[in-house]
PDB file of N, CA and C in Angstrom:
ATOM      1  N   MET A   1       1.803  14.476   6.128  1.00  0.00           N
ATOM      2  CA  MET A   1       1.815  12.465   6.180  1.00  0.00           C
ATOM      3  C   MET A   1       0.349  12.098   5.421  1.00  0.00           C
ATOM      4  N   ILE A   2       0.107  11.660   4.308  1.00  0.00           N
ATOM      5  CA  ILE A   2      -0.995  11.219   3.379  1.00  0.00           C
ATOM      6  C   ILE A   2      -1.160   9.597   3.557  1.00  0.00           C
ATOM      7  N   HIS A   3      -2.175   9.158   3.157  1.00  0.00           N
ATOM      8  CA  HIS A   3      -2.690   7.881   3.055  1.00  0.00           C
ATOM      9  C   HIS A   3      -2.812   7.573   1.340  1.00  0.00           C
ATOM     10  N   VAL A   4      -2.166   6.586   1.705  1.00  0.00           N
ATOM     11  CA  VAL A   4      -2.464   6.107  -0.248  1.00  0.00           C
ATOM     12  C   VAL A   4      -2.670   4.386  -0.607  1.00  0.00           C
ATOM     13  N   TYR A   5      -3.919   4.561  -1.552  1.00  0.00           N
ATOM     14  CA  TYR A   5      -4.948   3.593  -1.794  1.00  0.00           C
ATOM     15  C   TYR A   5      -4.001   3.030  -2.913  1.00  0.00           C
ATOM     16  N   LEU A   6      -3.617   2.186  -3.799  1.00  0.00           N
ATOM     17  CA  LEU A   6      -2.961   1.466  -4.582  1.00  0.00           C
ATOM     18  C   LEU A   6      -4.077   0.294  -5.193  1.00  0.00           C
ATOM     19  N   ASP A   7      -4.229   0.670  -6.235  1.00  0.00           N
ATOM     20  CA  ASP A   7      -5.591  -0.102  -6.459  1.00  0.00           C
ATOM     21  C   ASP A   7      -6.203   0.442  -8.052  1.00  0.00           C
ATOM     22  N   ASP A   8      -6.115  -0.363  -9.499  1.00  0.00           N
ATOM     23  CA  ASP A   8      -6.897  -0.077 -10.658  1.00  0.00           C
ATOM     24  C   ASP A   8      -8.473   0.161 -10.919  1.00  0.00           C
ATOM     25  N   TYR A   9      -9.134  -0.366  -9.852  1.00  0.00           N
ATOM     26  CA  TYR A   9     -10.313  -0.682 -10.247  1.00  0.00           C
ATOM     27  C   TYR A   9     -11.004  -0.552  -9.184  1.00  0.00           C
ATOM     28  N   ARG A  10     -11.442  -0.934  -7.755  1.00  0.00           N
ATOM     29  CA  ARG A  10     -11.723  -0.197  -6.557  1.00  0.00           C
ATOM     30  C   ARG A  10     -11.945   1.114  -6.259  1.00  0.00           C
ATOM     31  N   ASP A  11     -12.826   1.597  -5.952  1.00  0.00           N
ATOM     32  CA  ASP A  11     -13.268   3.096  -5.610  1.00  0.00           C
ATOM     33  C   ASP A  11     -12.249   3.499  -4.442  1.00  0.00           C
ATOM     34  N   CYS A  12     -11.512   5.052  -4.399  1.00  0.00           N
ATOM     35  CA  CYS A  12     -10.568   4.693  -3.315  1.00  0.00           C
ATOM     36  C   CYS A  12     -11.392   5.077  -2.106  1.00  0.00           C
ATOM     37  N   PRO A  13     -10.822   4.672  -0.864  1.00  0.00           N
ATOM     38  CA  PRO A  13     -11.916   5.267   0.167  1.00  0.00           C
ATOM     39  C   PRO A  13     -11.370   7.356   0.564  1.00  0.00           C
ATOM     40  N   ARG A  14     -11.963   7.616   1.166  1.00  0.00           N
ATOM     41  CA  ARG A  14     -11.969   9.041   1.279  1.00  0.00           C
ATOM     42  C   ARG A  14     -10.543   8.896   2.433  1.00  0.00           C
ATOM     43  N   GLY A  15     -10.325  10.233   1.971  1.00  0.00           N
ATOM     44  CA  GLY A  15      -9.477  10.758   3.129  1.00  0.00           C
ATOM     45  C   GLY A  15      -7.403  10.193   3.075  1.00  0.00           C
ATOM     46  N   PHE A  16      -7.755   8.791   1.836  1.00  0.00           N
ATOM     47  CA  PHE A  16      -6.698   8.450   0.934  1.00  0.00           C
ATOM     48  C   PHE A  16      -6.148   8.821  -0.447  1.00  0.00           C
ATOM     49  N   VAL A  17      -5.178   9.143  -1.060  1.00  0.00           N
ATOM     50  CA  VAL A  17      -4.724   9.839  -2.299  1.00  0.00           C
ATOM     51  C   VAL A  17      -4.720   8.128  -3.228  1.00  0.00           C
ATOM     52  N   LEU A  18      -5.259   8.417  -4.093  1.00  0.00           N
ATOM     53  CA  LEU A  18      -5.377   6.802  -4.815  1.00  0.00           C
ATOM     54  C   LEU A  18      -3.946   6.776  -6.513  1.00  0.00           C
ATOM     55  N   ALA A  19      -3.875   5.711  -5.972  1.00  0.00           N
ATOM     56  CA  ALA A  19      -2.423   5.454  -6.732  1.00  0.00           C
ATOM     57  C   ALA A  19      -2.868   4.419  -7.815  1.00  0.00           C
ATOM     58  N   SER A  20      -3.132   4.731  -9.110  1.00  0.00           N
ATOM     59  CA  SER A  20      -3.797   3.831  -9.759  1.00  0.00           C
ATOM     60  C   SER A  20      -3.022   2.267 -10.839  1.00  0.00           C
ATOM     61  N   ASN A  21      -1.584   2.431 -10.309  1.00  0.00           N
ATOM     62  CA  ASN A  21      -0.777   2.005 -10.521  1.00  0.00           C
ATOM     63  C   ASN A  21       0.574   2.228  -9.879  1.00  0.00           C
ATOM     64  N   ALA A  22       1.012   1.100 -10.257  1.00  0.00           N
ATOM     65  CA  ALA A  22       2.659   1.354 -10.026  1.00  0.00           C
ATOM     66  C   ALA A  22       3.409   2.355  -9.581  1.00  0.00           C
ATOM     67  N   GLU A  23       3.980   3.034 -10.894  1.00  0.00           N
ATOM     68  CA  GLU A  23       4.670   4.104 -10.945  1.00  0.00           C
ATOM     69  C   GLU A  23       3.799   5.333 -10.691  1.00  0.00           C
ATOM     70  N   GLU A  24       2.608   5.441 -10.469  1.00  0.00           N
ATOM     71  CA  GLU A  24       2.509   6.402  -9.616  1.00  0.00           C
ATOM     72  C   GLU A  24       2.309   6.267  -8.373  1.00  0.00           C
ATOM     73  N   CYS A  25       1.915   5.060  -7.322  1.00  0.00           N
ATOM     74  CA  CYS A  25       2.697   4.764  -5.470  1.00  0.00           C
ATOM     75  C   CYS A  25       3.646   4.938  -5.387  1.00  0.00           C
ATOM     76  N   LYS A  26       4.740   4.608  -6.335  1.00  0.00           N
ATOM     77  CA  LYS A  26       6.234   4.867  -6.392  1.00  0.00           C
ATOM     78  C   LYS A  26       6.869   6.448  -6.451  1.00  0.00           C
ATOM     79  N   GLN A  27       5.831   6.782  -6.924  1.00  0.00           N
ATOM     80  CA  GLN A  27       6.139   8.427  -6.874  1.00  0.00           C
ATOM     81  C   GLN A  27       5.650   8.920  -5.950  1.00  0.00           C
ATOM     82  N   LEU A  28       4.487   8.426  -5.403  1.00  0.00           N
ATOM     83  CA  LEU A  28       3.525   9.327  -3.752  1.00  0.00           C
ATOM     84  C   LEU A  28       5.276   9.001  -3.104  1.00  0.00           C
ATOM     85  N   ILE A  29       5.065   7.510  -2.772  1.00  0.00           N
ATOM     86  CA  ILE A  29       6.290   7.225  -2.130  1.00  0.00           C
ATOM     87  C   ILE A  29       7.586   7.747  -1.554  1.00  0.00           C
ATOM     88  N   ASP A  30       8.337   8.345  -3.103  1.00  0.00           N
ATOM     89  CA  ASP A  30       9.411   8.823  -3.350  1.00  0.00           C
ATOM     90  C   ASP A  30       8.970  10.164  -2.545  1.00  0.00           C
ATOM     91  N   HIS A  31       7.919  11.179  -2.729  1.00  0.00           N
ATOM     92  CA  HIS A  31       7.922  12.504  -2.952  1.00  0.00           C
ATOM     93  C   HIS A  31       7.377  12.998  -1.596  1.00  0.00           C
ATOM     94  N   GLU A  32       6.635  11.917  -0.583  1.00  0.00           N
ATOM     95  CA  GLU A  32       5.849  12.640   0.316  1.00  0.00           C
ATOM     96  C   GLU A  32       5.983  11.571   1.674  1.00  0.00           C
ATOM     97  N   LYS A  33       5.447  11.891   3.016  1.00  0.00           N
ATOM     98  CA  LYS A  33       5.761  11.152   3.945  1.00  0.00           C
ATOM     99  C   LYS A  33       4.488  10.678   3.799  1.00  0.00           C
ATOM    100  N   VAL A  34       4.055   8.665   3.968  1.00  0.00           N
ATOM    101  CA  VAL A  34       3.230   8.214   3.688  1.00  0.00           C
ATOM    102  C   VAL A  34       2.830   7.664   5.370  1.00  0.00           C
ATOM    103  N   ASP A  35       1.881   7.191   5.490  1.00  0.00           N
ATOM    104  CA  ASP A  35       1.568   6.947   6.662  1.00  0.00           C
ATOM    105  C   ASP A  35       0.672   5.661   6.401  1.00  0.00           C
ATOM    106  N   ILE A  36      -0.213   5.814   5.968  1.00  0.00           N
ATOM    107  CA  ILE A  36      -1.027   4.217   5.420  1.00  0.00           C
ATOM    108  C   ILE A  36      -0.535   4.301   4.218  1.00  0.00           C
ATOM    109  N   LEU A  37      -0.624   2.844   3.955  1.00  0.00           N
ATOM    110  CA  LEU A  37      -0.533   2.392   2.740  1.00  0.00           C
ATOM    111  C   LEU A  37      -1.196   1.196   2.336  1.00  0.00           C
ATOM    112  N   SER A  38      -2.042   1.418   1.665  1.00  0.00           N
ATOM    113  CA  SER A  38      -2.963  -0.285   1.349  1.00  0.00           C
ATOM    114  C   SER A  38      -3.074  -0.230   0.089  1.00  0.00           C
ATOM    115  N   LEU A  39      -1.634  -1.866   0.238  1.00  0.00           N
ATOM    116  CA  LEU A  39      -1.779  -2.087  -1.447  1.00  0.00           C
ATOM    117  C   LEU A  39      -2.535  -3.400  -1.925  1.00  0.00           C
ATOM    118  N   ASP A  40      -2.587  -3.143  -3.520  1.00  0.00           N
ATOM    119  CA  ASP A  40      -3.403  -4.250  -4.134  1.00  0.00           C
ATOM    120  C   ASP A  40      -2.379  -5.207  -5.154  1.00  0.00           C
ATOM    121  N   PHE A  41      -2.783  -6.447  -5.667  1.00  0.00           N
ATOM    122  CA  PHE A  41      -1.408  -6.545  -6.016  1.00  0.00           C
ATOM    123  C   PHE A  41      -2.096  -6.661  -7.780  1.00  0.00           C
ATOM    124  N   ASP A  42      -2.877  -7.510  -8.065  1.00  0.00           N
ATOM    125  CA  ASP A  42      -2.874  -7.198  -9.525  1.00  0.00           C
ATOM    126  C   ASP A  42      -3.632  -5.698 -10.102  1.00  0.00           C
ATOM    127  N   LEU A  43      -3.010  -5.303 -10.918  1.00  0.00           N
ATOM    128  CA  LEU A  43      -3.072  -3.601 -11.357  1.00  0.00           C
ATOM    129  C   LEU A  43      -2.991  -3.838 -12.576  1.00  0.00           C
ATOM    130  N   GLY A  44      -4.010  -4.638 -13.350  1.00  0.00           N
ATOM    131  CA  GLY A  44      -4.349  -4.656 -14.548  1.00  0.00           C
ATOM    132  C   GLY A  44      -3.650  -5.353 -15.556  1.00  0.00           C
ATOM    133  N   TRP A  45      -3.796  -5.983 -17.004  1.00  0.00           N
ATOM    134  CA  TRP A  45      -3.194  -7.042 -17.665  1.00  0.00           C
ATOM    135  C   TRP A  45      -1.860  -6.674 -18.033  1.00  0.00           C
ATOM    136  N   ALA A  46      -0.784  -7.185 -17.870  1.00  0.00           N
ATOM    137  CA  ALA A  46       0.365  -6.761 -18.452  1.00  0.00           C
ATOM    138  C   ALA A  46       0.964  -5.706 -17.658  1.00  0.00           C
ATOM    139  N   GLN A  47       0.412  -4.936 -16.512  1.00  0.00           N
ATOM    140  CA  GLN A  47       1.130  -3.996 -15.989  1.00  0.00           C
ATOM    141  C   GLN A  47       1.474  -4.627 -14.803  1.00  0.00           C
ATOM    142  N   PRO A  48       2.728  -3.568 -14.021  1.00  0.00           N
ATOM    143  CA  PRO A  48       3.149  -4.033 -13.244  1.00  0.00           C
ATOM    144  C   PRO A  48       2.889  -3.986 -11.685  1.00  0.00           C
ATOM    145  N   THR A  49       3.120  -5.106 -10.876  1.00  0.00           N
ATOM    146  CA  THR A  49       1.891  -6.095  -9.956  1.00  0.00           C
ATOM    147  C   THR A  49       2.446  -4.510  -8.488  1.00  0.00           C
ATOM    148  N   GLY A  50       1.551  -4.821  -7.723  1.00  0.00           N
ATOM    149  CA  GLY A  50       2.026  -3.995  -6.634  1.00  0.00           C
ATOM    150  C   GLY A  50       3.170  -4.473  -5.802  1.00  0.00           C
ATOM    151  N   TYR A  51       3.286  -5.456  -6.126  1.00  0.00           N
ATOM    152  CA  TYR A  51       5.397  -6.026  -5.784  1.00  0.00           C
ATOM    153  C   TYR A  51       6.431  -5.603  -6.089  1.00  0.00           C
ATOM    154  N   GLU A  52       6.131  -5.048  -7.212  1.00  0.00           N
ATOM    155  CA  GLU A  52       7.046  -3.503  -7.454  1.00  0.00           C
ATOM    156  C   GLU A  52       6.614  -2.760  -6.838  1.00  0.00           C
ATOM    157  N   VAL A  53       5.664  -2.217  -6.354  1.00  0.00           N
ATOM    158  CA  VAL A  53       5.746  -0.835  -5.506  1.00  0.00           C
ATOM    159  C   VAL A  53       6.575  -1.865  -4.081  1.00  0.00           C
ATOM    160  N   VAL A  54       6.405  -2.840  -3.618  1.00  0.00           N
ATOM    161  CA  VAL A  54       6.786  -3.425  -2.525  1.00  0.00           C
ATOM    162  C   VAL A  54       9.243  -3.606  -2.948  1.00  0.00           C
ATOM    163  N   ARG A  55       8.992  -3.863  -3.637  1.00  0.00           N
ATOM    164  CA  ARG A  55      10.390  -3.962  -4.173  1.00  0.00           C
ATOM    165  C   ARG A  55      10.873  -2.572  -3.624  1.00  0.00           C
ATOM    166  N   HIS A  56       9.715  -1.656  -4.825  1.00  0.00           N
ATOM    167  CA  HIS A  56      10.602  -0.093  -4.397  1.00  0.00           C
ATOM    168  C   HIS A  56      10.583   0.243  -3.069  1.00  0.00           C
ATOM    169  N   ILE A  57      10.057  -0.293  -2.123  1.00  0.00           N
ATOM    170  CA  ILE A  57      10.123   0.278  -1.193  1.00  0.00           C
ATOM    171  C   ILE A  57      11.357  -0.081   0.027  1.00  0.00           C
ATOM    172  N   VAL A  58      11.513  -1.671  -0.609  1.00  0.00           N
ATOM    173  CA  VAL A  58      12.926  -2.465   0.188  1.00  0.00           C
ATOM    174  C   VAL A  58      13.606  -1.682  -0.887  1.00  0.00           C
ATOM    175  N   GLU A  59      14.207  -0.944  -2.055  1.00  0.00           N
ATOM    176  CA  GLU A  59      15.182  -1.100  -2.191  1.00  0.00           C
ATOM    177  C   GLU A  59      15.885   0.640  -2.214  1.00  0.00           C
ATOM    178  N   THR A  60      14.918   1.203  -2.142  1.00  0.00           N
ATOM    179  CA  THR A  60      14.662   2.765  -1.403  1.00  0.00           C
ATOM    180  C   THR A  60      14.693   3.329   0.148  1.00  0.00           C
ATOM    181  N   GLY A  61      14.255   2.110   0.639  1.00  0.00           N
ATOM    182  CA  GLY A  61      13.955   2.405   2.560  1.00  0.00           C
ATOM    183  C   GLY A  61      13.386   3.118   2.776  1.00  0.00           C
ATOM    184  N   ARG A  62      12.363   3.881   1.942  1.00  0.00           N
ATOM    185  CA  ARG A  62      11.026   4.906   2.367  1.00  0.00           C
ATOM    186  C   ARG A  62       9.907   4.094   2.968  1.00  0.00           C
ATOM    187  N   TYR A  63      10.289   3.252   3.936  1.00  0.00           N
ATOM    188  CA  TYR A  63       8.928   3.030   3.702  1.00  0.00           C
ATOM    189  C   TYR A  63       8.053   3.748   4.562  1.00  0.00           C
ATOM    190  N   PRO A  64       6.512   3.136   4.749  1.00  0.00           N
ATOM    191  CA  PRO A  64       5.450   3.533   4.962  1.00  0.00           C
ATOM    192  C   PRO A  64       5.702   3.627   6.342  1.00  0.00           C
ATOM    193  N   GLU A  65       4.517   4.413   7.148  1.00  0.00           N
ATOM    194  CA  GLU A  65       4.445   4.217   9.045  1.00  0.00           C
ATOM    195  C   GLU A  65       3.350   2.602   9.013  1.00  0.00           C
ATOM    196  N   ARG A  66       2.392   2.835   8.209  1.00  0.00           N
ATOM    197  CA  ARG A  66       1.652   1.437   9.108  1.00  0.00           C
ATOM    198  C   ARG A  66       1.563   0.456   7.102  1.00  0.00           C
ATOM    199  N   ILE A  67       1.293  -0.485   6.729  1.00  0.00           N
ATOM    200  CA  ILE A  67       1.540  -1.170   5.137  1.00  0.00           C
ATOM    201  C   ILE A  67       0.269  -1.962   5.761  1.00  0.00           C
ATOM    202  N   TYR A  68      -1.058  -1.887   5.053  1.00  0.00           N
ATOM    203  CA  TYR A  68      -2.177  -2.988   5.083  1.00  0.00           C
ATOM    204  C   TYR A  68      -2.271  -3.683   3.626  1.00  0.00           C
ATOM    205  N   PHE A  69      -2.717  -5.305   2.900  1.00  0.00           N
ATOM    206  CA  PHE A  69      -2.835  -5.608   1.902  1.00  0.00           C
ATOM    207  C   PHE A  69      -4.546  -5.321   1.567  1.00  0.00           C
ATOM    208  N   HIS A  70      -4.696  -5.008   0.649  1.00  0.00           N
ATOM    209  CA  HIS A  70      -6.379  -5.581   0.147  1.00  0.00           C
ATOM    210  C   HIS A  70      -6.837  -6.090  -0.771  1.00  0.00           C
ATOM    211  N   THR A  71      -5.470  -6.714  -1.716  1.00  0.00           N
ATOM    212  CA  THR A  71      -5.787  -7.585  -2.290  1.00  0.00           C
ATOM    213  C   THR A  71      -6.489  -8.483  -2.665  1.00  0.00           C
ATOM    214  N   SER A  72      -7.189  -9.338  -3.859  1.00  0.00           N
ATOM    215  CA  SER A  72      -7.842 -10.605  -3.492  1.00  0.00           C
ATOM    216  C   SER A  72      -7.192 -11.723  -3.906  1.00  0.00           C
ATOM    217  N   SER A  73      -5.858 -11.240  -3.985  1.00  0.00           N
ATOM    218  CA  SER A  73      -4.687 -12.044  -4.344  1.00  0.00           C
ATOM    219  C   SER A  73      -4.049 -12.875  -3.619  1.00  0.00           C
ATOM    220  N   TYR A  74      -3.970 -14.260  -3.131  1.00  0.00           N
ATOM    221  CA  TYR A  74      -3.754 -14.963  -1.861  1.00  0.00           C
ATOM    222  C   TYR A  74      -1.780 -15.003  -1.942  1.00  0.00           C
ATOM    223  N   SER A  75      -1.708 -15.354  -3.186  1.00  0.00           N
ATOM    224  CA  SER A  75       0.093 -15.747  -3.310  1.00  0.00           C
ATOM    225  C   SER A  75       0.514 -14.096  -3.205  1.00  0.00           C
ATOM    226  N   GLY A  76      -0.620 -13.403  -4.365  1.00  0.00           N
ATOM    227  CA  GLY A  76      -0.150 -11.789  -4.023  1.00  0.00           C
ATOM    228  C   GLY A  76       0.392 -11.080  -2.931  1.00  0.00           C
ATOM    229  N   ARG A  77      -0.247 -11.667  -2.417  1.00  0.00           N
ATOM    230  CA  ARG A  77      -0.401 -11.003  -0.933  1.00  0.00           C
ATOM    231  C   ARG A  77       1.233 -11.602  -0.219  1.00  0.00           C
ATOM    232  N   ILE A  78       0.891 -12.542   0.270  1.00  0.00           N
ATOM    233  CA  ILE A  78       1.901 -13.911   0.938  1.00  0.00           C
ATOM    234  C   ILE A  78       2.917 -13.083   0.098  1.00  0.00           C
ATOM    235  N   GLN A  79       3.720 -12.851  -1.094  1.00  0.00           N
ATOM    236  CA  GLN A  79       4.883 -12.435  -1.843  1.00  0.00           C
ATOM    237  C   GLN A  79       5.284 -11.024  -0.958  1.00  0.00           C
ATOM    238  N   MET A  80       4.079  -9.892  -1.071  1.00  0.00           N
ATOM    239  CA  MET A  80       4.181  -8.734  -0.784  1.00  0.00           C
ATOM    240  C   MET A  80       4.539  -8.502   0.902  1.00  0.00           C
ATOM    241  N   TYR A  81       3.982  -9.507   1.710  1.00  0.00           N
ATOM    242  CA  TYR A  81       4.024  -9.625   3.009  1.00  0.00           C
ATOM    243  C   TYR A  81       5.397  -9.722   3.436  1.00  0.00           C
ATOM    244  N   HIS A  82       5.467 -11.046   2.834  1.00  0.00           N
ATOM    245  CA  HIS A  82       7.099 -11.929   3.386  1.00  0.00           C
ATOM    246  C   HIS A  82       7.774 -11.176   2.819  1.00  0.00           C
ATOM    247  N   THR A  83       8.077 -10.045   1.667  1.00  0.00           N
ATOM    248  CA  THR A  83       9.523  -9.387   1.416  1.00  0.00           C
ATOM    249  C   THR A  83       9.289  -7.967   1.864  1.00  0.00           C
ATOM    250  N   LEU A  84       8.434  -7.785   2.425  1.00  0.00           N
ATOM    251  CA  LEU A  84       8.356  -6.041   3.436  1.00  0.00           C
ATOM    252  C   LEU A  84       8.752  -6.894   5.104  1.00  0.00           C
ATOM    253  N   ALA A  85       8.509  -7.828   5.320  1.00  0.00           N
ATOM    254  CA  ALA A  85       8.056  -8.074   6.854  1.00  0.00           C
ATOM    255  C   ALA A  85       9.783  -8.711   7.032  1.00  0.00           C
ATOM    256  N   ALA A  86       9.838  -9.289   5.816  1.00  0.00           N
ATOM    257  CA  ALA A  86      12.154  -9.940   6.170  1.00  0.00           C
ATOM    258  C   ALA A  86      12.454  -8.181   6.055  1.00  0.00           C
ATOM    259  N   ASN A  87      12.631  -7.538   5.383  1.00  0.00           N
ATOM    260  CA  ASN A  87      13.587  -6.163   5.516  1.00  0.00           C
ATOM    261  C   ASN A  87      12.277  -4.744   6.003  1.00  0.00           C
ATOM    262  N   ALA A  88      11.711  -4.901   6.313  1.00  0.00           N
ATOM    263  CA  ALA A  88      11.043  -3.124   6.840  1.00  0.00           C
ATOM    264  C   ALA A  88      11.910  -3.068   8.479  1.00  0.00           C
ATOM    265  N   PRO A  89      12.416  -1.764   8.710  1.00  0.00           N
ATOM    266  CA  PRO A  89      12.457  -1.756   9.805  1.00  0.00           C
ATOM    267  C   PRO A  89      11.516  -1.763  10.888  1.00  0.00           C
ATOM    268  N   GLU A  90      11.542  -1.839  12.353  1.00  0.00           N
ATOM    269  CA  GLU A  90      10.431  -2.369  13.650  1.00  0.00           C
ATOM    270  C   GLU A  90       9.953  -1.091  13.717  1.00  0.00           C
ATOM    271  N   SER A  91       9.622   0.107  13.265  1.00  0.00           N
ATOM    272  CA  SER A  91       9.184   1.238  13.242  1.00  0.00           C
ATOM    273  C   SER A  91       7.628   1.174  12.350  1.00  0.00           C
ATOM    274  N   THR A  92       7.611   0.619  10.872  1.00  0.00           N
ATOM    275  CA  THR A  92       6.972   0.247  10.144  1.00  0.00           C
ATOM    276  C   THR A  92       5.930  -1.183  10.772  1.00  0.00           C
ATOM    277  N   LYS A  93       4.825  -0.745  11.065  1.00  0.00           N
ATOM    278  CA  LYS A  93       3.835  -1.542  10.859  1.00  0.00           C
ATOM    279  C   LYS A  93       2.942  -2.585  10.224  1.00  0.00           C
ATOM    280  N   LEU A  94       2.885  -3.438   9.850  1.00  0.00           N
ATOM    281  CA  LEU A  94       2.618  -4.406   8.921  1.00  0.00           C
ATOM    282  C   LEU A  94       1.175  -5.524   9.180  1.00  0.00           C
ATOM    283  N   PHE A  95       0.533  -5.466   8.671  1.00  0.00           N
ATOM    284  CA  PHE A  95      -1.099  -6.054   8.957  1.00  0.00           C
ATOM    285  C   PHE A  95      -1.335  -6.807   7.447  1.00  0.00           C
ATOM    286  N   ASN A  96      -1.320  -8.180   7.635  1.00  0.00           N
ATOM    287  CA  ASN A  96      -1.456  -9.414   6.745  1.00  0.00           C
ATOM    288  C   ASN A  96      -2.656  -9.100   6.464  1.00  0.00           C
ATOM    289  N   GLY A  97      -3.370  -8.056   6.241  1.00  0.00           N
ATOM    290  CA  GLY A  97      -5.077  -8.284   5.157  1.00  0.00           C
ATOM    291  C   GLY A  97      -5.244  -6.687   5.040  1.00  0.00           C
ATOM    292  N   PRO A  98      -6.223  -6.874   4.567  1.00  0.00           N
ATOM    293  CA  PRO A  98      -6.909  -5.151   4.244  1.00  0.00           C
ATOM    294  C   PRO A  98      -7.564  -4.478   5.964  1.00  0.00           C
ATOM    295  N   MET A  99      -7.513  -3.043   5.985  1.00  0.00           N
ATOM    296  CA  MET A  99      -7.737  -2.170   6.689  1.00  0.00           C
ATOM    297  C   MET A  99      -8.786  -2.460   7.532  1.00  0.00           C
ATOM    298  N   PRO A 100      -9.114  -2.575   8.614  1.00  0.00           N
ATOM    299  CA  PRO A 100     -10.125  -2.872   9.144  1.00  0.00           C
ATOM    300  C   PRO A 100     -11.547  -1.361   8.934  1.00  0.00           C
ATOM    301  N   ASP A 101     -12.987  -1.989   9.078  1.00  0.00           N
ATOM    302  CA  ASP A 101     -13.899  -0.812   8.533  1.00  0.00           C
ATOM    303  C   ASP A 101     -13.976   0.379   9.559  1.00  0.00           C
ATOM    304  N   SER A 102     -13.201  -0.113  10.976  1.00  0.00           N
ATOM    305  CA  SER A 102     -13.273   1.156  11.833  1.00  0.00           C
ATOM    306  C   SER A 102     -12.155   2.224  11.476  1.00  0.00           C
ATOM    307  N   LEU A 103     -10.951   1.386  10.772  1.00  0.00           N
ATOM    308  CA  LEU A 103      -9.947   2.171  10.691  1.00  0.00           C
ATOM    309  C   LEU A 103     -10.622   3.549   9.109  1.00  0.00           C
ATOM    310  N   LEU A 104     -10.800   2.669   8.515  1.00  0.00           N
ATOM    311  CA  LEU A 104     -11.607   3.826   7.695  1.00  0.00           C
ATOM    312  C   LEU A 104     -12.810   4.305   7.885  1.00  0.00           C
ATOM    313  N   MET A 105     -12.988   4.214   8.384  1.00  0.00           N
ATOM    314  CA  MET A 105     -14.304   5.559   9.082  1.00  0.00           C
ATOM    315  C   MET A 105     -13.687   6.756  10.137  1.00  0.00           C
ATOM    316  N   GLU A 106     -12.650   5.900  10.790  1.00  0.00           N
ATOM    317  CA  GLU A 106     -12.228   7.588  11.516  1.00  0.00           C
ATOM    318  C   GLU A 106     -11.400   8.002  10.304  1.00  0.00           C
ATOM    319  N   ILE A 107     -10.737   7.717   9.144  1.00  0.00           N
ATOM    320  CA  ILE A 107      -9.577   8.450   8.634  1.00  0.00           C
ATOM    321  C   ILE A 107     -11.170   9.303   7.381  1.00  0.00           C
ATOM    322  N   ALA A 108     -11.978   8.856   7.191  1.00  0.00           N
ATOM    323  CA  ALA A 108     -12.997   9.383   6.434  1.00  0.00           C
ATOM    324  C   ALA A 108     -13.518  10.735   7.174  1.00  0.00           C
ATOM    325  N   ASN A 109     -13.677  10.354   8.269  1.00  0.00           N
ATOM    326  CA  ASN A 109     -14.517  11.296   9.344  1.00  0.00           C
ATOM    327  C   ASN A 109     -12.917  12.761   9.715  1.00  0.00           C
ATOM    328  N   HIS A 110     -11.989  12.400   9.140  1.00  0.00           N
ATOM    329  CA  HIS A 110     -11.288  13.266  10.334  1.00  0.00           C
ATOM    330  C   HIS A 110     -10.528  13.891   8.268  1.00  0.00           C
ATOM    331  N   SER A 111     -10.932  13.652   7.237  1.00  0.00           N
ATOM    332  CA  SER A 111     -10.867  14.214   5.914  1.00  0.00           C
ATOM    333  C   SER A 111     -11.552  15.103   5.548  1.00  0.00           C
TER     334      SER A 111
END
C-alpha cells in the first residue's frame, strides 16, 4: 500500500509518493492500492484540479482507505469533500481537512 500526496507546489511529506498533477494521481490510483490520499485542489494555471481526481475515484470505484484535503481553496475542498461523502463506501474514511502532524510524523518514521 502507498500514500499519495497530490500537489504541484508544496513539498511532498516523507513516506508519500508525489503526484504533481491530476493525471499522475489518477494513474497511481488505477495501478496501486492507496492507503492515504491527500488532495490539493488548485494544480496550476489552466490545469485539471483535484476535483478531476475525485471524479475519477467516483467513476472507477477505486477508493483509497483514507482521504485528506490539504488544499488552501475552501470552495475546492468543500466540492471535493461533498462529492466523495455522497459516493464513498463506508470503508473509506474522509477527513475534512489536512493530515495532523502526528500522522505525518508517524508515517515519516516508518519510511
